[in-house]
Amino acid sequence: MRRIIGTIMAALVLVFIARTAMAQSKTLTGESRTVTATIEAIEASTHTLTLKKPDGTYVSVIAGPEIKRFDELKIGDKVNARYYDNLVIRLKKPGEKDVDTAARATTPSGQALPGGTKARQRTITATITAIDPAMPSVTFTGPNGWKYSSKVEDKAALDKVKVGDKVDITWTEAVLLSVERGTM
């Protein structure tokens, strides 16, 4: 979550640069990575897998109750996880209602071996509460006492916003899992 918030704040600076009457939103593609690990142990009673990562280290993960095909996994199977995130930032018009929503979903793959997608999305409204042109930096506040300050790379961007401006920030994270049968 901390990495996501950092990405969000860095991206907000881009909104300031792109702000015009016609360009009110910006989509930023975030991180995308793929990791393959091998199942080394399975604890069926707790839905826990012990995975060996490519660097030789081990990690234990718990598959939640929404994972219906857990019992089909075998020691030696390879689990491929593709992670990605993106961010949409939209400058709000004056008087628009604030938002604070979250959604999660798990979708099975329908493939012969277990797999699927697990995703979550969060949208909040953040308000610019301080601008420091000397630093240069900007401070935002949002729901539930959330507060974040960030240095701004482009000092001229601060001239395009003011304290009280609001943005909606929507970030999406997803993990796509697939399994390849091992050779044990």
C-alpha atoms as a PDB file:
ATOM      1  CA  MET A   1       0.000   0.000   0.000  1.00  0.00           C
ATOM      2  CA  ARG A   2       2.871   2.394   0.803  1.00  0.00           C
ATOM      3  CA  ARG A   3       4.314   1.833  -2.697  1.00  0.00           C
ATOM      4  CA  ILE A   4       0.925   2.549  -4.214  1.00  0.00           C
ATOM      5  CA  ILE A   5       0.538   5.809  -2.307  1.00  0.00           C
ATOM      6  CA  GLY A   6       4.034   6.872  -3.393  1.00  0.00           C
ATOM      7  CA  THR A   7       3.158   6.101  -7.012  1.00  0.00           C
ATOM      8  CA  ILE A   8      -0.064   8.054  -6.656  1.00  0.00           C
ATOM      9  CA  MET A   9       1.641  11.127  -5.319  1.00  0.00           C
ATOM     10  CA  ALA A  10       4.336  11.093  -7.974  1.00  0.00           C
ATOM     11  CA  ALA A  11       1.600  10.771 -10.586  1.00  0.00           C
ATOM     12  CA  LEU A  12      -0.416  13.666  -9.174  1.00  0.00           C
ATOM     13  CA  VAL A  13       2.324  16.031 -10.248  1.00  0.00           C
ATOM     14  CA  LEU A  14       1.612  14.991 -13.828  1.00  0.00           C
ATOM     15  CA  VAL A  15      -2.014  16.043 -13.395  1.00  0.00           C
ATOM     16  CA  PHE A  16      -0.905  19.548 -12.560  1.00  0.00           C
ATOM     17  CA  ILE A  17       1.159  19.761 -15.714  1.00  0.00           C
ATOM     18  CA  ALA A  18      -1.622  18.418 -17.922  1.00  0.00           C
ATOM     19  CA  ARG A  19      -4.422  20.495 -16.377  1.00  0.00           C
ATOM     20  CA  THR A  20      -6.492  22.330 -18.980  1.00  0.00           C
ATOM     21  CA  ALA A  21     -10.198  22.884 -19.450  1.00  0.00           C
ATOM     22  CA  MET A  22     -10.384  19.942 -21.878  1.00  0.00           C
ATOM     23  CA  ALA A  23      -7.893  17.531 -20.273  1.00  0.00           C
ATOM     24  CA  GLN A  24      -9.400  16.681 -16.896  1.00  0.00           C
ATOM     25  CA  SER A  25      -8.010  13.149 -16.366  1.00  0.00           C
ATOM     26  CA  LYS A  26      -4.807  11.205 -16.836  1.00  0.00           C
ATOM     27  CA  THR A  27      -4.220   7.441 -16.878  1.00  0.00           C
ATOM     28  CA  LEU A  28      -0.818   6.201 -15.776  1.00  0.00           C
ATOM     29  CA  THR A  29       0.219   2.623 -16.316  1.00  0.00           C
ATOM     30  CA  GLY A  30       2.112   1.460 -13.283  1.00  0.00           C
ATOM     31  CA  GLU A  31       4.290  -1.457 -12.504  1.00  0.00           C
ATOM     32  CA  SER A  32       3.996  -4.796 -14.289  1.00  0.00           C
ATOM     33  CA  ARG A  33       6.021  -7.843 -13.328  1.00  0.00           C
ATOM     34  CA  THR A  34       5.879 -11.609 -13.556  1.00  0.00           C
ATOM     35  CA  VAL A  35       7.202 -14.069 -10.983  1.00  0.00           C
ATOM     36  CA  THR A  36       7.270 -17.862 -11.228  1.00  0.00           C
ATOM     37  CA  ALA A  37       7.658 -19.989  -8.108  1.00  0.00           C
ATOM     38  CA  THR A  38       7.538 -23.724  -7.437  1.00  0.00           C
ATOM     39  CA  ILE A  39       5.203 -25.289  -4.882  1.00  0.00           C
ATOM     40  CA  GLU A  40       7.403 -26.968  -2.268  1.00  0.00           C
ATOM     41  CA  ALA A  41       4.776 -27.771   0.392  1.00  0.00           C
ATOM     42  CA  ILE A  42       0.996 -27.754   0.737  1.00  0.00           C
ATOM     43  CA  GLU A  43      -0.903 -27.492   4.029  1.00  0.00           C
ATOM     44  CA  ALA A  44      -4.478 -28.347   3.054  1.00  0.00           C
ATOM     45  CA  SER A  45      -6.092 -27.596   6.435  1.00  0.00           C
ATOM     46  CA  THR A  46      -4.986 -23.942   6.352  1.00  0.00           C
ATOM     47  CA  HIS A  47      -4.864 -23.506   2.542  1.00  0.00           C
ATOM     48  CA  THR A  48      -1.175 -22.578   2.857  1.00  0.00           C
ATOM     49  CA  LEU A  49       1.383 -23.030   0.092  1.00  0.00           C
ATOM     50  CA  THR A  50       5.133 -22.838   0.572  1.00  0.00           C
ATOM     51  CA  LEU A  51       6.667 -21.519  -2.631  1.00  0.00           C
ATOM     52  CA  LYS A  52      10.312 -21.478  -3.720  1.00  0.00           C
ATOM     53  CA  LYS A  53      11.128 -18.295  -5.614  1.00  0.00           C
ATOM     54  CA  PRO A  54      13.707 -18.135  -8.435  1.00  0.00           C
ATOM     55  CA  ASP A  55      16.306 -16.666  -6.064  1.00  0.00           C
ATOM     56  CA  GLY A  56      16.039 -19.773  -3.839  1.00  0.00           C
ATOM     57  CA  THR A  57      14.119 -18.101  -1.027  1.00  0.00           C
ATOM     58  CA  TYR A  58      10.826 -19.426   0.297  1.00  0.00           C
ATOM     59  CA  VAL A  59       7.552 -17.676   0.939  1.00  0.00           C
ATOM     60  CA  SER A  60       4.326 -18.976   2.459  1.00  0.00           C
ATOM     61  CA  VAL A  61       1.038 -17.765   1.015  1.00  0.00           C
ATOM     62  CA  ILE A  62      -2.494 -18.447   2.153  1.00  0.00           C
ATOM     63  CA  ALA A  63      -5.131 -19.066  -0.489  1.00  0.00           C
ATOM     64  CA  GLY A  64      -8.416 -17.618   0.740  1.00  0.00           C
ATOM     65  CA  PRO A  65     -11.717 -19.484   0.796  1.00  0.00           C
ATOM     66  CA  GLU A  66     -12.614 -18.001  -2.605  1.00  0.00           C
ATOM     67  CA  ILE A  67      -9.941 -20.261  -4.171  1.00  0.00           C
ATOM     68  CA  LYS A  68     -12.151 -23.239  -5.016  1.00  0.00           C
ATOM     69  CA  ARG A  69      -9.620 -25.495  -6.778  1.00  0.00           C
ATOM     70  CA  PHE A  70      -6.904 -25.463  -4.107  1.00  0.00           C
ATOM     71  CA  ASP A  71      -7.046 -29.255  -3.737  1.00  0.00           C
ATOM     72  CA  GLU A  72      -5.890 -29.673  -7.375  1.00  0.00           C
ATOM     73  CA  LEU A  73      -2.468 -28.144  -6.662  1.00  0.00           C
ATOM     74  CA  LYS A  74       0.507 -30.491  -6.353  1.00  0.00           C
ATOM     75  CA  ILE A  75       4.053 -30.232  -5.018  1.00  0.00           C
ATOM     76  CA  GLY A  76       6.320 -29.351  -7.933  1.00  0.00           C
ATOM     77  CA  ASP A  77       3.688 -27.305  -9.793  1.00  0.00           C
ATOM     78  CA  LYS A  78       4.873 -23.930 -11.025  1.00  0.00           C
ATOM     79  CA  VAL A  79       2.765 -20.920 -10.083  1.00  0.00           C
ATOM     80  CA  ASN A  80       3.026 -17.938 -12.419  1.00  0.00           C
ATOM     81  CA  ALA A  81       1.918 -14.611 -10.976  1.00  0.00           C
ATOM     82  CA  ARG A  82       1.604 -11.550 -13.197  1.00  0.00           C
ATOM     83  CA  TYR A  83       1.104  -8.372 -11.200  1.00  0.00           C
ATOM     84  CA  TYR A  84       0.105  -5.023 -12.599  1.00  0.00           C
ATOM     85  CA  ASP A  85      -1.336  -1.742 -11.441  1.00  0.00           C
ATOM     86  CA  ASN A  86      -2.521   1.485 -12.972  1.00  0.00           C
ATOM     87  CA  LEU A  87      -3.716   4.841 -11.829  1.00  0.00           C
ATOM     88  CA  VAL A  88      -6.337   7.264 -13.106  1.00  0.00           C
ATOM     89  CA  ILE A  89      -6.313  10.800 -11.776  1.00  0.00           C
ATOM     90  CA  ARG A  90      -9.140  13.196 -12.515  1.00  0.00           C
ATOM     91  CA  LEU A  91      -9.340  16.833 -11.582  1.00  0.00           C
ATOM     92  CA  LYS A  92     -12.738  17.436 -10.002  1.00  0.00           C
ATOM     93  CA  LYS A  93     -15.004  20.261 -11.007  1.00  0.00           C
ATOM     94  CA  PRO A  94     -15.955  22.635  -8.184  1.00  0.00           C
ATOM     95  CA  GLY A  95     -18.924  21.316  -6.211  1.00  0.00           C
ATOM     96  CA  GLU A  96     -18.552  17.658  -7.235  1.00  0.00           C
ATOM     97  CA  LYS A  97     -19.213  15.186  -4.445  1.00  0.00           C
ATOM     98  CA  ASP A  98     -16.225  13.472  -2.752  1.00  0.00           C
ATOM     99  CA  VAL A  99     -15.789   9.721  -3.225  1.00  0.00           C
ATOM    100  CA  ASP A 100     -14.277   6.943  -1.116  1.00  0.00           C
ATOM    101  CA  THR A 101     -15.001   3.525  -2.587  1.00  0.00           C
ATOM    102  CA  ALA A 102     -13.308   0.145  -2.710  1.00  0.00           C
ATOM    103  CA  ALA A 103     -14.050  -3.059  -4.573  1.00  0.00           C
ATOM    104  CA  ARG A 104     -12.465  -6.507  -4.750  1.00  0.00           C
ATOM    105  CA  ALA A 105     -13.052  -9.435  -7.060  1.00  0.00           C
ATOM    106  CA  THR A 106     -11.733 -12.949  -7.624  1.00  0.00           C
ATOM    107  CA  THR A 107     -12.416 -14.600 -10.967  1.00  0.00           C
ATOM    108  CA  PRO A 108     -11.518 -18.229 -11.786  1.00  0.00           C
ATOM    109  CA  SER A 109      -9.667 -18.855 -15.045  1.00  0.00           C
ATOM    110  CA  GLY A 110     -11.743 -21.714 -16.447  1.00  0.00           C
ATOM    111  CA  GLN A 111      -8.500 -23.415 -17.544  1.00  0.00           C
ATOM    112  CA  ALA A 112      -7.678 -27.093 -17.040  1.00  0.00           C
ATOM    113  CA  LEU A 113      -5.370 -26.234 -14.119  1.00  0.00           C
ATOM    114  CA  PRO A 114      -6.252 -23.831 -11.286  1.00  0.00           C
ATOM    115  CA  GLY A 115      -5.751 -20.130 -11.847  1.00  0.00           C
ATOM    116  CA  GLY A 116      -7.582 -16.867 -12.033  1.00  0.00           C
ATOM    117  CA  THR A 117      -7.461 -13.173 -11.334  1.00  0.00           C
ATOM    118  CA  LYS A 118      -7.665 -11.331  -8.048  1.00  0.00           C
ATOM    119  CA  ALA A 119      -8.140  -7.578  -8.284  1.00  0.00           C
ATOM    120  CA  ARG A 120      -8.899  -4.590  -6.132  1.00  0.00           C
ATOM    121  CA  GLN A 121      -9.730  -1.014  -6.930  1.00  0.00           C
ATOM    122  CA  ARG A 122      -9.897   2.047  -4.694  1.00  0.00           C
ATOM    123  CA  THR A 123     -11.118   5.543  -5.497  1.00  0.00           C
ATOM    124  CA  ILE A 124     -10.712   8.500  -3.165  1.00  0.00           C
ATOM    125  CA  THR A 125     -11.018  12.243  -3.394  1.00  0.00           C
ATOM    126  CA  ALA A 126      -7.933  14.114  -2.225  1.00  0.00           C
ATOM    127  CA  THR A 127      -7.764  17.834  -1.546  1.00  0.00           C
ATOM    128  CA  ILE A 128      -4.704  20.029  -1.941  1.00  0.00           C
ATOM    129  CA  THR A 129      -4.262  21.486   1.543  1.00  0.00           C
ATOM    130  CA  ALA A 130      -0.866  23.169   1.191  1.00  0.00           C
ATOM    131  CA  ILE A 131       1.525  24.279  -1.521  1.00  0.00           C
ATOM    132  CA  ASP A 132       5.101  25.280  -0.706  1.00  0.00           C
ATOM    133  CA  PRO A 133       6.703  26.901  -3.763  1.00  0.00           C
ATOM    134  CA  ALA A 134      10.043  27.314  -1.933  1.00  0.00           C
ATOM    135  CA  MET A 135      10.494  23.562  -1.405  1.00  0.00           C
ATOM    136  CA  PRO A 136       8.628  22.979  -3.923  1.00  0.00           C
ATOM    137  CA  SER A 137       6.039  20.591  -2.463  1.00  0.00           C
ATOM    138  CA  VAL A 138       2.332  19.899  -2.207  1.00  0.00           C
ATOM    139  CA  THR A 139       0.260  18.379   0.604  1.00  0.00           C
ATOM    140  CA  PHE A 140      -2.944  16.389   0.112  1.00  0.00           C
ATOM    141  CA  THR A 141      -5.572  15.139   2.527  1.00  0.00           C
ATOM    142  CA  GLY A 142      -8.214  12.516   1.951  1.00  0.00           C
ATOM    143  CA  PRO A 143     -10.664  10.269   3.759  1.00  0.00           C
ATOM    144  CA  ASN A 144     -10.053   8.810   7.230  1.00  0.00           C
ATOM    145  CA  GLY A 145      -7.298  11.269   8.128  1.00  0.00           C
ATOM    146  CA  TRP A 146      -5.118  10.287   5.149  1.00  0.00           C
ATOM    147  CA  LYS A 147      -2.452  12.945   4.575  1.00  0.00           C
ATOM    148  CA  TYR A 148       0.494  12.968   2.201  1.00  0.00           C
ATOM    149  CA  SER A 149       3.165  15.526   1.280  1.00  0.00           C
ATOM    150  CA  SER A 150       5.419  15.178  -1.725  1.00  0.00           C
ATOM    151  CA  LYS A 151       8.195  17.131  -3.358  1.00  0.00           C
ATOM    152  CA  VAL A 152       7.242  18.416  -6.812  1.00  0.00           C
ATOM    153  CA  GLU A 153       9.814  18.091  -9.585  1.00  0.00           C
ATOM    154  CA  ASP A 154       8.331  20.759 -11.865  1.00  0.00           C
ATOM    155  CA  LYS A 155       8.006  23.963  -9.846  1.00  0.00           C
ATOM    156  CA  ALA A 156       5.998  25.618 -12.651  1.00  0.00           C
ATOM    157  CA  ALA A 157       3.302  22.954 -12.182  1.00  0.00           C
ATOM    158  CA  LEU A 158       2.450  24.465  -8.800  1.00  0.00           C
ATOM    159  CA  ASP A 159       1.353  27.674 -10.542  1.00  0.00           C
ATOM    160  CA  LYS A 160      -1.473  25.695 -12.193  1.00  0.00           C
ATOM    161  CA  VAL A 161      -3.173  24.544  -8.971  1.00  0.00           C
ATOM    162  CA  LYS A 162      -4.336  26.108  -5.756  1.00  0.00           C
ATOM    163  CA  VAL A 163      -5.115  25.072  -2.206  1.00  0.00           C
ATOM    164  CA  GLY A 164      -8.612  23.596  -2.177  1.00  0.00           C
ATOM    165  CA  ASP A 165      -8.406  21.936  -5.614  1.00  0.00           C
ATOM    166  CA  LYS A 166      -9.648  18.346  -5.532  1.00  0.00           C
ATOM    167  CA  VAL A 167      -8.730  15.256  -7.544  1.00  0.00           C
ATOM    168  CA  ASP A 168     -10.238  11.797  -7.705  1.00  0.00           C
ATOM    169  CA  ILE A 169      -7.566   9.104  -7.584  1.00  0.00           C
ATOM    170  CA  THR A 170      -8.481   5.591  -8.745  1.00  0.00           C
ATOM    171  CA  TRP A 171      -5.874   2.869  -8.501  1.00  0.00           C
ATOM    172  CA  THR A 172      -6.268  -0.702  -9.604  1.00  0.00           C
ATOM    173  CA  GLU A 173      -4.092  -3.675  -8.685  1.00  0.00           C
ATOM    174  CA  ALA A 174      -4.478  -7.141 -10.125  1.00  0.00           C
ATOM    175  CA  VAL A 175      -2.694 -10.472  -9.893  1.00  0.00           C
ATOM    176  CA  LEU A 176      -3.234 -13.054 -12.625  1.00  0.00           C
ATOM    177  CA  LEU A 177      -2.333 -16.570 -11.496  1.00  0.00           C
ATOM    178  CA  SER A 178      -1.752 -19.613 -13.642  1.00  0.00           C
ATOM    179  CA  VAL A 179      -0.382 -23.048 -12.812  1.00  0.00           C
ATOM    180  CA  GLU A 180       1.848 -25.341 -14.873  1.00  0.00           C
ATOM    181  CA  ARG A 181       2.040 -28.989 -13.901  1.00  0.00           C
ATOM    182  CA  GLY A 182       5.444 -29.830 -12.399  1.00  0.00           C
ATOM    183  CA  THR A 183       7.623 -32.793 -13.324  1.00  0.00           C
ATOM    184  CA  MET A 184       7.869 -34.449  -9.907  1.00  0.00           C
END
